[in-house]
Amino acid sequence: MHCIVRSADRTLVEGNAERIVARSPHGEFAVMDGHAPILAVLVPGVIRLLIDGTESTIVCKGGTFSLADKNATVLVERPYMLEEIEPTAVQAQIAELQSKESTACLLEEITYLELLCHVKETHA
């Protein structure tokens, strides 16, 4: 199946996908060639892809996933390819945000940044 992973400003991955694994509010799901059409909301988490024989890992803050007619489209918010995550820079952002007055939005951002660090550590 053809797959494209896009954010508002760039295409992260595009090609022939053998497997796509992502997370919705109901849990992790996987699709492979021949899967029935599906539309899902994505929550903060990891997207794992096998495209043209290459494994890719993307962390996103959310997005949408659709599969129809052998075409998978993944639209993501605030994506980071695994190799783009710089733990030192992310830890500095977390420290800066923790010094500010706590709000729900701020806590959500800190949680996302912590997810980035965790994914980088576990996939290193």
N, C-alpha and C. Protein backbone atom coordinates (compact mmCIF):
# COMPACT_ATOMS: atom_id res chain seq x y z
N MET A 1 0.84 -1.17 0.00
CA MET A 1 0.00 0.00 0.00
C MET A 1 0.89 1.24 0.00
N HIS A 2 0.45 2.27 -0.66
CA HIS A 2 1.20 3.51 -0.67
C HIS A 2 0.94 4.25 0.64
N CYS A 3 1.98 4.83 1.23
CA CYS A 3 1.84 5.54 2.50
C CYS A 3 2.56 6.88 2.41
N ILE A 4 1.92 7.90 2.96
CA ILE A 4 2.56 9.20 3.11
C ILE A 4 2.30 9.69 4.53
N VAL A 5 3.35 10.17 5.17
CA VAL A 5 3.26 10.75 6.51
C VAL A 5 3.64 12.21 6.36
N ARG A 6 2.68 13.10 6.68
CA ARG A 6 2.89 14.54 6.49
C ARG A 6 2.54 15.32 7.74
N SER A 7 3.24 16.43 7.90
CA SER A 7 2.86 17.43 8.90
C SER A 7 2.47 18.67 8.11
N ALA A 8 2.18 19.75 8.79
CA ALA A 8 1.76 20.98 8.11
C ALA A 8 2.86 21.53 7.20
N ASP A 9 4.12 21.26 7.53
CA ASP A 9 5.20 21.89 6.78
C ASP A 9 6.13 20.95 6.02
N ARG A 10 5.91 19.61 6.12
CA ARG A 10 6.83 18.72 5.40
C ARG A 10 6.27 17.31 5.27
N THR A 11 6.83 16.59 4.33
CA THR A 11 6.57 15.17 4.19
C THR A 11 7.69 14.45 4.94
N LEU A 12 7.32 13.60 5.89
CA LEU A 12 8.32 12.89 6.68
C LEU A 12 8.75 11.60 6.01
N VAL A 13 7.78 10.83 5.52
CA VAL A 13 8.06 9.55 4.89
C VAL A 13 7.02 9.31 3.81
N GLU A 14 7.46 8.72 2.71
CA GLU A 14 6.52 8.34 1.66
C GLU A 14 7.08 7.13 0.93
N GLY A 15 6.21 6.17 0.61
CA GLY A 15 6.65 5.01 -0.14
C GLY A 15 5.68 3.85 0.01
N ASN A 16 6.16 2.66 -0.33
CA ASN A 16 5.36 1.46 -0.28
C ASN A 16 5.46 0.85 1.12
N ALA A 17 4.37 0.90 1.87
CA ALA A 17 4.38 0.44 3.26
C ALA A 17 3.99 -1.03 3.36
N GLU A 18 4.77 -1.76 4.11
CA GLU A 18 4.45 -3.15 4.41
C GLU A 18 3.68 -3.24 5.73
N ARG A 19 3.97 -2.27 6.65
CA ARG A 19 3.33 -2.28 7.96
C ARG A 19 3.34 -0.87 8.54
N ILE A 20 2.25 -0.50 9.20
CA ILE A 20 2.15 0.78 9.90
C ILE A 20 1.53 0.49 11.26
N VAL A 21 2.18 0.96 12.32
CA VAL A 21 1.67 0.79 13.67
C VAL A 21 1.55 2.18 14.29
N ALA A 22 0.36 2.49 14.85
CA ALA A 22 0.13 3.80 15.45
C ALA A 22 -0.77 3.63 16.67
N ARG A 23 -1.05 4.75 17.36
CA ARG A 23 -1.84 4.70 18.59
C ARG A 23 -3.04 5.64 18.48
N SER A 24 -4.22 5.08 18.78
CA SER A 24 -5.46 5.86 18.83
C SER A 24 -5.90 5.96 20.29
N PRO A 25 -6.97 6.70 20.56
CA PRO A 25 -7.45 6.75 21.94
C PRO A 25 -7.87 5.37 22.48
N HIS A 26 -8.12 4.42 21.59
CA HIS A 26 -8.55 3.08 21.99
C HIS A 26 -7.39 2.09 22.08
N GLY A 27 -6.18 2.55 21.81
CA GLY A 27 -5.02 1.68 21.89
C GLY A 27 -4.24 1.62 20.60
N GLU A 28 -3.18 0.83 20.63
CA GLU A 28 -2.31 0.68 19.47
C GLU A 28 -2.99 -0.19 18.42
N PHE A 29 -2.77 0.15 17.14
CA PHE A 29 -3.30 -0.66 16.06
C PHE A 29 -2.24 -0.78 14.97
N ALA A 30 -2.38 -1.80 14.15
CA ALA A 30 -1.45 -2.03 13.05
C ALA A 30 -2.25 -2.32 11.79
N VAL A 31 -1.72 -1.86 10.67
CA VAL A 31 -2.32 -2.19 9.37
C VAL A 31 -1.22 -2.73 8.46
N MET A 32 -1.65 -3.65 7.61
CA MET A 32 -0.76 -4.21 6.60
C MET A 32 -1.51 -4.19 5.28
N ASP A 33 -0.82 -4.51 4.22
CA ASP A 33 -1.44 -4.51 2.91
C ASP A 33 -2.69 -5.40 2.92
N GLY A 34 -3.77 -4.92 2.34
CA GLY A 34 -5.01 -5.67 2.29
C GLY A 34 -5.95 -5.38 3.46
N HIS A 35 -5.52 -4.51 4.38
CA HIS A 35 -6.36 -4.16 5.53
C HIS A 35 -7.62 -3.44 5.06
N ALA A 36 -8.70 -3.62 5.77
CA ALA A 36 -9.95 -2.92 5.46
C ALA A 36 -9.77 -1.42 5.65
N PRO A 37 -10.57 -0.60 4.97
CA PRO A 37 -10.48 0.85 5.18
C PRO A 37 -10.65 1.20 6.65
N ILE A 38 -9.93 2.23 7.07
CA ILE A 38 -9.96 2.64 8.47
C ILE A 38 -9.70 4.15 8.54
N LEU A 39 -10.32 4.78 9.52
CA LEU A 39 -10.09 6.18 9.83
C LEU A 39 -9.92 6.27 11.33
N ALA A 40 -8.82 6.87 11.79
CA ALA A 40 -8.55 6.93 13.23
C ALA A 40 -7.93 8.26 13.61
N VAL A 41 -8.25 8.69 14.81
CA VAL A 41 -7.58 9.83 15.42
C VAL A 41 -6.34 9.29 16.11
N LEU A 42 -5.23 10.02 16.02
CA LEU A 42 -4.00 9.61 16.69
C LEU A 42 -3.79 10.45 17.94
N VAL A 43 -3.29 9.80 18.97
CA VAL A 43 -2.96 10.48 20.22
C VAL A 43 -1.44 10.58 20.33
N PRO A 44 -0.92 11.36 21.27
CA PRO A 44 0.54 11.44 21.41
C PRO A 44 1.14 10.04 21.55
N GLY A 45 2.14 9.79 20.72
CA GLY A 45 2.77 8.48 20.77
C GLY A 45 3.68 8.24 19.59
N VAL A 46 4.00 6.99 19.41
CA VAL A 46 4.97 6.56 18.40
C VAL A 46 4.25 5.94 17.21
N ILE A 47 4.72 6.27 16.02
CA ILE A 47 4.27 5.63 14.80
C ILE A 47 5.48 4.85 14.27
N ARG A 48 5.28 3.55 14.05
CA ARG A 48 6.35 2.71 13.52
C ARG A 48 5.95 2.26 12.13
N LEU A 49 6.84 2.44 11.17
CA LEU A 49 6.54 2.11 9.79
C LEU A 49 7.62 1.23 9.20
N LEU A 50 7.21 0.35 8.32
CA LEU A 50 8.15 -0.40 7.49
C LEU A 50 7.79 -0.01 6.06
N ILE A 51 8.61 0.87 5.49
CA ILE A 51 8.35 1.41 4.15
C ILE A 51 9.55 1.14 3.27
N ASP A 52 9.28 0.52 2.14
CA ASP A 52 10.34 0.16 1.18
C ASP A 52 11.50 -0.56 1.87
N GLY A 53 11.16 -1.42 2.84
CA GLY A 53 12.16 -2.22 3.53
C GLY A 53 12.91 -1.50 4.64
N THR A 54 12.57 -0.25 4.89
CA THR A 54 13.26 0.55 5.91
C THR A 54 12.32 0.84 7.08
N GLU A 55 12.79 0.57 8.29
CA GLU A 55 12.03 0.89 9.50
C GLU A 55 12.17 2.37 9.81
N SER A 56 11.07 3.03 10.11
CA SER A 56 11.08 4.43 10.53
C SER A 56 10.26 4.56 11.81
N THR A 57 10.72 5.44 12.70
CA THR A 57 10.00 5.71 13.94
C THR A 57 9.76 7.21 14.01
N ILE A 58 8.50 7.58 14.22
CA ILE A 58 8.10 8.98 14.31
C ILE A 58 7.33 9.16 15.60
N VAL A 59 7.65 10.21 16.34
CA VAL A 59 6.88 10.56 17.53
C VAL A 59 6.03 11.76 17.15
N CYS A 60 4.75 11.73 17.50
CA CYS A 60 3.87 12.86 17.17
C CYS A 60 3.00 13.21 18.36
N LYS A 61 2.49 14.43 18.34
CA LYS A 61 1.62 14.90 19.41
C LYS A 61 0.17 14.49 19.16
N GLY A 62 -0.14 14.11 17.95
CA GLY A 62 -1.49 13.70 17.58
C GLY A 62 -1.62 13.74 16.07
N GLY A 63 -2.82 13.46 15.59
CA GLY A 63 -3.04 13.52 14.16
C GLY A 63 -4.20 12.65 13.73
N THR A 64 -4.17 12.28 12.44
CA THR A 64 -5.20 11.41 11.88
C THR A 64 -4.54 10.36 11.01
N PHE A 65 -5.23 9.23 10.89
CA PHE A 65 -4.77 8.13 10.05
C PHE A 65 -5.94 7.69 9.19
N SER A 66 -5.71 7.57 7.90
CA SER A 66 -6.75 7.03 7.04
C SER A 66 -6.15 6.03 6.06
N LEU A 67 -6.91 4.99 5.79
CA LEU A 67 -6.51 3.98 4.82
C LEU A 67 -7.73 3.66 3.96
N ALA A 68 -7.57 3.87 2.67
CA ALA A 68 -8.63 3.55 1.72
C ALA A 68 -7.99 3.31 0.36
N ASP A 69 -8.50 2.36 -0.38
CA ASP A 69 -8.01 2.07 -1.73
C ASP A 69 -6.50 1.90 -1.79
N LYS A 70 -5.95 1.16 -0.82
CA LYS A 70 -4.51 0.89 -0.77
C LYS A 70 -3.65 2.14 -0.63
N ASN A 71 -4.22 3.21 -0.06
CA ASN A 71 -3.49 4.45 0.20
C ASN A 71 -3.66 4.82 1.66
N ALA A 72 -2.53 4.88 2.39
CA ALA A 72 -2.54 5.28 3.79
C ALA A 72 -2.02 6.71 3.88
N THR A 73 -2.79 7.55 4.55
CA THR A 73 -2.38 8.94 4.76
C THR A 73 -2.35 9.19 6.26
N VAL A 74 -1.18 9.62 6.74
CA VAL A 74 -1.00 9.90 8.16
C VAL A 74 -0.64 11.38 8.27
N LEU A 75 -1.54 12.15 8.87
CA LEU A 75 -1.31 13.57 9.09
C LEU A 75 -0.99 13.76 10.56
N VAL A 76 0.18 14.33 10.85
CA VAL A 76 0.65 14.39 12.22
C VAL A 76 0.94 15.82 12.67
N GLU A 77 0.81 15.99 13.98
CA GLU A 77 1.10 17.28 14.62
C GLU A 77 2.40 17.16 15.41
N ARG A 78 3.27 18.16 15.25
CA ARG A 78 4.55 18.23 15.98
C ARG A 78 5.36 16.94 15.88
N PRO A 79 5.63 16.46 14.67
CA PRO A 79 6.36 15.20 14.54
C PRO A 79 7.87 15.35 14.71
N TYR A 80 8.47 14.29 15.19
CA TYR A 80 9.93 14.17 15.25
C TYR A 80 10.29 12.78 14.75
N MET A 81 11.15 12.73 13.75
CA MET A 81 11.74 11.45 13.38
C MET A 81 12.66 11.07 14.55
N LEU A 82 12.82 9.80 14.81
CA LEU A 82 13.64 9.35 15.94
C LEU A 82 15.02 10.00 15.93
N GLU A 83 15.64 10.07 14.74
CA GLU A 83 16.99 10.61 14.65
C GLU A 83 17.04 12.13 14.86
N GLU A 84 15.91 12.81 14.85
CA GLU A 84 15.87 14.26 15.06
C GLU A 84 15.81 14.64 16.54
N ILE A 85 15.50 13.71 17.40
CA ILE A 85 15.33 14.01 18.82
C ILE A 85 16.69 14.20 19.48
N GLU A 86 16.90 15.36 20.06
CA GLU A 86 18.12 15.70 20.80
C GLU A 86 17.78 15.77 22.28
N PRO A 87 18.04 14.71 23.04
CA PRO A 87 17.63 14.67 24.45
C PRO A 87 18.10 15.85 25.29
N THR A 88 19.30 16.33 25.08
CA THR A 88 19.81 17.45 25.87
C THR A 88 18.96 18.70 25.65
N ALA A 89 18.63 18.98 24.40
CA ALA A 89 17.81 20.15 24.07
C ALA A 89 16.39 19.98 24.62
N VAL A 90 15.86 18.78 24.53
CA VAL A 90 14.51 18.53 25.03
C VAL A 90 14.48 18.67 26.56
N GLN A 91 15.49 18.15 27.24
CA GLN A 91 15.57 18.29 28.71
C GLN A 91 15.64 19.76 29.11
N ALA A 92 16.35 20.57 28.34
CA ALA A 92 16.44 22.01 28.63
C ALA A 92 15.07 22.66 28.47
N GLN A 93 14.31 22.25 27.46
CA GLN A 93 12.96 22.78 27.27
C GLN A 93 12.07 22.39 28.44
N ILE A 94 12.18 21.16 28.89
CA ILE A 94 11.38 20.69 30.02
C ILE A 94 11.70 21.52 31.26
N ALA A 95 12.98 21.72 31.53
CA ALA A 95 13.39 22.50 32.71
C ALA A 95 12.85 23.92 32.65
N GLU A 96 12.90 24.52 31.47
CA GLU A 96 12.38 25.88 31.30
C GLU A 96 10.88 25.92 31.56
N LEU A 97 10.15 24.96 31.02
CA LEU A 97 8.69 24.94 31.21
C LEU A 97 8.31 24.66 32.66
N GLN A 98 9.10 23.82 33.34
CA GLN A 98 8.81 23.51 34.74
C GLN A 98 9.01 24.71 35.65
N SER A 99 9.77 25.68 35.20
CA SER A 99 10.00 26.88 36.01
C SER A 99 8.84 27.88 35.91
N LYS A 100 7.92 27.63 35.01
CA LYS A 100 6.77 28.52 34.82
C LYS A 100 5.59 28.04 35.65
N GLU A 101 4.60 28.93 35.78
CA GLU A 101 3.39 28.60 36.51
C GLU A 101 2.65 27.47 35.78
N SER A 102 2.25 26.49 36.51
CA SER A 102 1.64 25.29 35.94
C SER A 102 0.23 25.55 35.41
N THR A 103 0.00 25.11 34.17
CA THR A 103 -1.34 25.13 33.56
C THR A 103 -1.54 23.78 32.88
N ALA A 104 -2.77 23.47 32.53
CA ALA A 104 -3.05 22.20 31.86
C ALA A 104 -2.30 22.11 30.54
N CYS A 105 -2.25 23.21 29.81
CA CYS A 105 -1.56 23.24 28.52
C CYS A 105 -0.06 23.02 28.71
N LEU A 106 0.49 23.64 29.73
CA LEU A 106 1.92 23.50 30.03
C LEU A 106 2.25 22.06 30.44
N LEU A 107 1.40 21.46 31.26
CA LEU A 107 1.62 20.07 31.67
C LEU A 107 1.53 19.12 30.48
N GLU A 108 0.63 19.40 29.56
CA GLU A 108 0.52 18.58 28.34
C GLU A 108 1.79 18.68 27.51
N GLU A 109 2.34 19.87 27.41
CA GLU A 109 3.58 20.06 26.64
C GLU A 109 4.75 19.34 27.30
N ILE A 110 4.85 19.44 28.62
CA ILE A 110 5.92 18.75 29.35
C ILE A 110 5.80 17.23 29.16
N THR A 111 4.58 16.72 29.21
CA THR A 111 4.35 15.29 29.01
C THR A 111 4.81 14.86 27.62
N TYR A 112 4.53 15.67 26.61
CA TYR A 112 4.96 15.34 25.25
C TYR A 112 6.48 15.36 25.14
N LEU A 113 7.12 16.35 25.73
CA LEU A 113 8.58 16.42 25.69
C LEU A 113 9.21 15.24 26.42
N GLU A 114 8.60 14.82 27.54
CA GLU A 114 9.09 13.64 28.26
C GLU A 114 8.94 12.39 27.40
N LEU A 115 7.86 12.32 26.63
CA LEU A 115 7.67 11.19 25.71
C LEU A 115 8.80 11.15 24.69
N LEU A 116 9.18 12.30 24.14
CA LEU A 116 10.29 12.36 23.18
C LEU A 116 11.55 11.75 23.80
N CYS A 117 11.89 12.18 25.01
CA CYS A 117 13.09 11.66 25.68
C CYS A 117 12.99 10.16 25.92
N HIS A 118 11.84 9.71 26.37
CA HIS A 118 11.64 8.28 26.65
C HIS A 118 11.82 7.45 25.38
N VAL A 119 11.23 7.89 24.29
CA VAL A 119 11.34 7.15 23.03
C VAL A 119 12.78 7.09 22.57
N LYS A 120 13.48 8.21 22.66
CA LYS A 120 14.89 8.24 22.24
C LYS A 120 15.72 7.27 23.09
N GLU A 121 15.48 7.28 24.40
CA GLU A 121 16.22 6.39 25.30
C GLU A 121 15.96 4.92 25.00
N THR A 122 14.70 4.57 24.77
CA THR A 122 14.35 3.17 24.57
C THR A 122 14.72 2.66 23.18
N HIS A 123 14.92 3.55 22.22
CA HIS A 123 15.28 3.14 20.86
C HIS A 123 16.76 3.39 20.54
N ALA A 124 17.51 3.85 21.54
CA ALA A 124 18.92 4.15 21.29
C ALA A 124 19.78 2.90 21.21
